[in-house]
Amino acid sequence: MKLIKAVVVDIDGTITDSKRMIQPQGIEALRQVQQKGVAVMLSSGNVLPITFGLSIFIGLKGPVIAENGGVVSFKENVYKLNSNTLPVRAYDYLKTKVEVERLFTDRWRESEVALKRTADPKIIEEILKGWSVVIETTGFAIHIMELGHSKMNGVRKASELIGIDTKDIAAFGDSDNDVSMLQDCGVGIAVANASPAAKMAAKYVCREPHADGVIEGLRWLGLL
């Protein structure tokens, strides 16, 4: 197994259960990895205040990647990689065609638009065909983003900030929005509850779901 200098871990469905409850055994494992000198980063579709707060409270010191890679934070500096100007325009058009509702957390969202899973993503994609936006779905939201917006872009910025190559990073995820980092980091690991696309993108698919899968993957990497 190649030397891994950092791990980047999705939150919802990866270190949480299906009800979005944090599983403490996963947090403890990530702390143990960090104590060995490996950088540990969170990557989420959630907004920066929530992702940053979680990172602080569970004791992680690596960069924080929020909004599917649209916003990155490290050492009290914030880097906005994408704009929500076009996604907001697309949303304004979308709501004239179908009933949709933004997430409560969108009041803090800066680089995309996130919708509740009350509408069919396929219908949303059809309505917004011709717009220069990407529709990304997770188990918890539907995201409208600029072309090129991805978690992997956030990982690239984070790797630049800590001075390592993305090929030295192991990525953990469970959903379609994790595919870019599972494919393009040095090693991609999908937990057992991952979507078909996430599993296809990963080098290793865990037998265990959620945080237990993260622990399994860290052991497979030789980090635990």
Protein backbone atom coordinates (compact mmCIF):
# COMPACT_ATOMS: atom_id res chain seq x y z
CA MET A 1 0.00 0.00 0.00
CA LYS A 2 1.33 3.44 -0.93
CA LEU A 3 2.14 5.99 1.74
CA ILE A 4 -0.97 8.00 2.65
CA LYS A 5 -0.29 11.49 3.98
CA ALA A 6 -3.91 12.62 4.39
CA VAL A 7 -7.45 11.29 4.45
CA VAL A 8 -10.54 13.20 3.37
CA VAL A 9 -13.84 11.96 4.73
CA ASP A 10 -17.41 12.74 3.74
CA ILE A 11 -19.82 13.34 6.63
CA ASP A 12 -23.46 12.44 5.90
CA GLY A 13 -23.84 8.70 5.43
CA THR A 14 -20.12 8.10 5.89
CA ILE A 15 -19.31 9.03 9.48
CA THR A 16 -23.00 9.34 10.31
CA ASP A 17 -25.73 6.72 10.21
CA SER A 18 -28.73 6.93 7.87
CA LYS A 19 -30.42 9.37 10.28
CA ARG A 20 -27.40 11.72 10.15
CA MET A 21 -26.31 10.88 13.69
CA ILE A 22 -22.54 11.01 14.20
CA GLN A 23 -21.09 7.63 15.10
CA PRO A 24 -18.43 8.15 17.80
CA GLN A 25 -16.35 5.10 16.88
CA GLY A 26 -15.53 6.76 13.55
CA ILE A 27 -14.50 9.99 15.23
CA GLU A 28 -12.18 8.14 17.59
CA ALA A 29 -10.59 6.32 14.64
CA LEU A 30 -9.99 9.58 12.77
CA ARG A 31 -8.37 11.10 15.87
CA GLN A 32 -6.04 8.10 16.13
CA VAL A 33 -5.03 8.53 12.49
CA GLN A 34 -4.40 12.25 13.02
CA GLN A 35 -2.22 11.49 16.06
CA LYS A 36 0.02 9.45 13.76
CA GLY A 37 0.74 12.58 11.71
CA VAL A 38 -1.74 11.97 8.90
CA ALA A 39 -3.83 15.05 8.02
CA VAL A 40 -7.57 14.45 8.41
CA MET A 41 -10.03 16.60 6.44
CA LEU A 42 -13.83 16.69 6.31
CA SER A 43 -15.55 17.13 2.95
CA SER A 44 -19.29 17.82 2.89
CA GLY A 45 -22.15 19.14 0.83
CA ASN A 46 -23.16 21.07 3.93
CA VAL A 47 -22.35 24.74 4.52
CA LEU A 48 -19.06 25.94 6.00
CA PRO A 49 -20.39 26.99 9.46
CA ILE A 50 -21.70 23.47 10.09
CA THR A 51 -18.76 21.60 8.56
CA PHE A 52 -16.21 23.84 10.28
CA GLY A 53 -18.01 23.57 13.62
CA LEU A 54 -18.07 19.78 13.42
CA SER A 55 -14.37 19.65 12.53
CA ILE A 56 -13.50 21.82 15.54
CA PHE A 57 -15.66 19.91 18.03
CA ILE A 58 -14.38 16.48 17.02
CA GLY A 59 -10.79 17.70 17.20
CA LEU A 60 -9.62 17.66 13.59
CA LYS A 61 -6.93 20.05 12.39
CA GLY A 62 -6.94 19.63 8.61
CA PRO A 63 -8.65 21.88 6.05
CA VAL A 64 -12.45 21.88 5.86
CA ILE A 65 -14.12 21.36 2.47
CA ALA A 66 -17.73 22.54 2.38
CA GLU A 67 -20.52 22.97 -0.17
CA ASN A 68 -19.30 20.08 -2.33
CA GLY A 69 -15.92 21.72 -2.77
CA GLY A 70 -17.20 25.24 -3.41
CA VAL A 71 -15.75 26.61 -0.16
CA VAL A 72 -12.54 25.59 1.64
CA SER A 73 -11.30 26.80 5.02
CA PHE A 74 -7.93 26.36 6.73
CA LYS A 75 -6.32 28.22 9.63
CA GLU A 76 -9.11 30.82 9.72
CA ASN A 77 -8.78 31.62 6.03
CA VAL A 78 -11.72 30.98 3.69
CA TYR A 79 -11.34 30.27 -0.03
CA LYS A 80 -14.45 30.54 -2.19
CA LEU A 81 -13.91 28.46 -5.33
CA ASN A 82 -17.34 28.84 -6.94
CA SER A 83 -20.17 31.35 -7.17
CA ASN A 84 -23.86 30.75 -6.53
CA THR A 85 -24.94 33.54 -8.93
CA LEU A 86 -25.91 31.22 -11.78
CA PRO A 87 -27.32 28.46 -9.52
CA VAL A 88 -29.60 31.03 -7.85
CA ARG A 89 -30.82 32.22 -11.26
CA ALA A 90 -31.44 28.62 -12.27
CA TYR A 91 -33.36 28.03 -9.04
CA ASP A 92 -35.51 31.13 -9.63
CA TYR A 93 -36.40 29.76 -13.05
CA LEU A 94 -36.92 26.24 -11.71
CA LYS A 95 -39.46 27.28 -9.09
CA THR A 96 -41.68 28.78 -11.82
CA LYS A 97 -41.95 25.28 -13.31
CA VAL A 98 -42.09 22.93 -10.34
CA GLU A 99 -42.53 23.17 -6.58
CA VAL A 100 -39.11 23.17 -4.92
CA GLU A 101 -37.78 24.39 -1.59
CA ARG A 102 -34.26 25.36 -0.56
CA LEU A 103 -32.69 23.85 2.54
CA PHE A 104 -32.83 25.78 5.81
CA THR A 105 -29.02 25.98 5.72
CA ASP A 106 -29.06 27.77 2.35
CA ARG A 107 -29.16 31.07 4.23
CA TRP A 108 -25.42 30.47 4.76
CA ARG A 109 -24.67 28.84 1.40
CA GLU A 110 -22.27 30.83 -0.84
CA SER A 111 -21.32 28.70 -3.85
CA GLU A 112 -24.39 26.65 -4.86
CA VAL A 113 -28.09 26.05 -4.18
CA ALA A 114 -29.31 23.03 -2.21
CA LEU A 115 -32.90 21.81 -2.39
CA LYS A 116 -34.95 19.50 -0.23
CA ARG A 117 -35.57 16.06 -1.75
CA THR A 118 -39.22 16.85 -2.43
CA ALA A 119 -38.93 16.99 -6.22
CA ASP A 120 -37.67 14.38 -8.66
CA PRO A 121 -34.02 15.12 -9.61
CA LYS A 122 -34.70 13.84 -13.14
CA ILE A 123 -37.45 16.44 -13.58
CA ILE A 124 -35.12 19.15 -12.28
CA GLU A 125 -32.41 18.06 -14.73
CA GLU A 126 -34.90 18.16 -17.60
CA ILE A 127 -36.18 21.63 -16.71
CA LEU A 128 -32.65 23.01 -16.35
CA LYS A 129 -31.35 21.41 -19.57
CA GLY A 130 -29.49 24.12 -21.45
CA TRP A 131 -28.40 25.93 -18.28
CA SER A 132 -24.67 25.75 -17.53
CA VAL A 133 -25.25 24.01 -14.23
CA VAL A 134 -24.73 20.56 -12.75
CA ILE A 135 -27.39 18.75 -10.71
CA GLU A 136 -25.81 16.63 -7.98
CA THR A 137 -27.89 14.41 -5.72
CA THR A 138 -27.20 12.95 -2.30
CA GLY A 139 -29.38 11.03 0.11
CA PHE A 140 -30.21 14.31 1.80
CA ALA A 141 -30.39 17.07 -0.85
CA ILE A 142 -30.34 18.08 -4.52
CA HIS A 143 -27.54 20.52 -5.37
CA ILE A 144 -27.49 23.02 -8.24
CA MET A 145 -23.90 23.98 -9.04
CA GLU A 146 -21.76 25.70 -11.65
CA LEU A 147 -20.09 23.51 -14.26
CA GLY A 148 -16.81 22.20 -12.89
CA HIS A 149 -17.93 22.50 -9.27
CA SER A 150 -16.90 19.32 -7.40
CA LYS A 151 -15.61 17.97 -4.13
CA MET A 152 -12.36 17.10 -5.89
CA ASN A 153 -11.72 20.76 -6.67
CA GLY A 154 -12.01 21.44 -2.95
CA VAL A 155 -9.63 18.56 -2.22
CA ARG A 156 -7.11 20.01 -4.69
CA LYS A 157 -7.23 23.36 -2.92
CA ALA A 158 -6.92 21.69 0.48
CA SER A 159 -3.93 19.63 -0.68
CA GLU A 160 -2.28 22.80 -1.95
CA LEU A 161 -2.80 24.46 1.45
CA ILE A 162 -1.10 21.63 3.34
CA GLY A 163 1.58 21.03 0.72
CA ILE A 164 0.86 17.47 -0.43
CA ASP A 165 -0.12 15.79 -3.70
CA THR A 166 -3.68 14.56 -4.15
CA LYS A 167 -2.22 11.15 -5.04
CA ASP A 168 -1.13 10.89 -1.39
CA ILE A 169 -4.72 11.29 -0.16
CA ALA A 170 -7.25 8.56 0.62
CA ALA A 171 -10.88 9.62 0.16
CA PHE A 172 -13.91 8.09 1.90
CA GLY A 173 -17.49 8.58 0.72
CA ASP A 174 -20.94 7.14 0.13
CA SER A 175 -22.80 9.23 -2.42
CA ASP A 176 -22.77 10.46 -6.00
CA ASN A 177 -21.28 13.79 -4.97
CA ASP A 178 -18.25 11.89 -3.61
CA VAL A 179 -17.46 10.26 -6.97
CA SER A 180 -14.97 12.92 -8.12
CA MET A 181 -12.76 12.60 -5.05
CA LEU A 182 -13.09 8.79 -4.93
CA GLN A 183 -11.88 8.65 -8.55
CA ASP A 184 -9.15 11.27 -8.47
CA CYS A 185 -7.53 10.96 -5.04
CA GLY A 186 -4.75 8.40 -4.65
CA VAL A 187 -7.14 5.86 -3.11
CA GLY A 188 -10.95 5.96 -3.06
CA ILE A 189 -12.86 3.98 -0.43
CA ALA A 190 -16.65 3.55 -0.47
CA VAL A 191 -18.52 2.41 2.62
CA ALA A 192 -20.96 -0.50 2.22
CA ASN A 193 -24.03 1.76 2.12
CA ALA A 194 -22.59 3.79 -0.78
CA SER A 195 -24.45 4.49 -4.01
CA PRO A 196 -23.66 2.36 -7.08
CA ALA A 197 -21.77 5.27 -8.65
CA ALA A 198 -19.63 5.77 -5.53
CA LYS A 199 -18.82 2.06 -5.38
CA MET A 200 -17.85 2.03 -9.06
CA ALA A 201 -15.50 4.99 -8.49
CA ALA A 202 -13.77 3.46 -5.46
CA LYS A 203 -10.68 1.27 -5.37
CA TYR A 204 -11.94 -0.49 -2.23
CA VAL A 205 -15.57 -1.12 -1.23
CA CYS A 206 -16.06 -1.84 2.46
CA ARG A 207 -18.12 -4.70 3.82
CA GLU A 208 -19.26 -2.49 6.70
CA PRO A 209 -21.50 0.61 6.40
CA HIS A 210 -21.07 4.15 7.70
CA ALA A 211 -18.40 4.74 10.37
CA ASP A 212 -17.65 1.03 10.71
CA GLY A 213 -16.80 1.08 7.01
CA VAL A 214 -14.47 4.04 7.58
CA ILE A 215 -12.71 2.07 10.32
CA GLU A 216 -12.47 -0.94 7.98
CA GLY A 217 -11.00 1.24 5.24
CA LEU A 218 -8.45 2.85 7.58
CA ARG A 219 -7.34 -0.62 8.66
CA TRP A 220 -7.09 -1.71 5.01
CA LEU A 221 -4.82 1.29 4.44
CA GLY A 222 -2.68 0.30 7.44
CA LEU A 223 -3.52 3.51 9.29
CA LEU A 224 -5.10 1.76 12.29
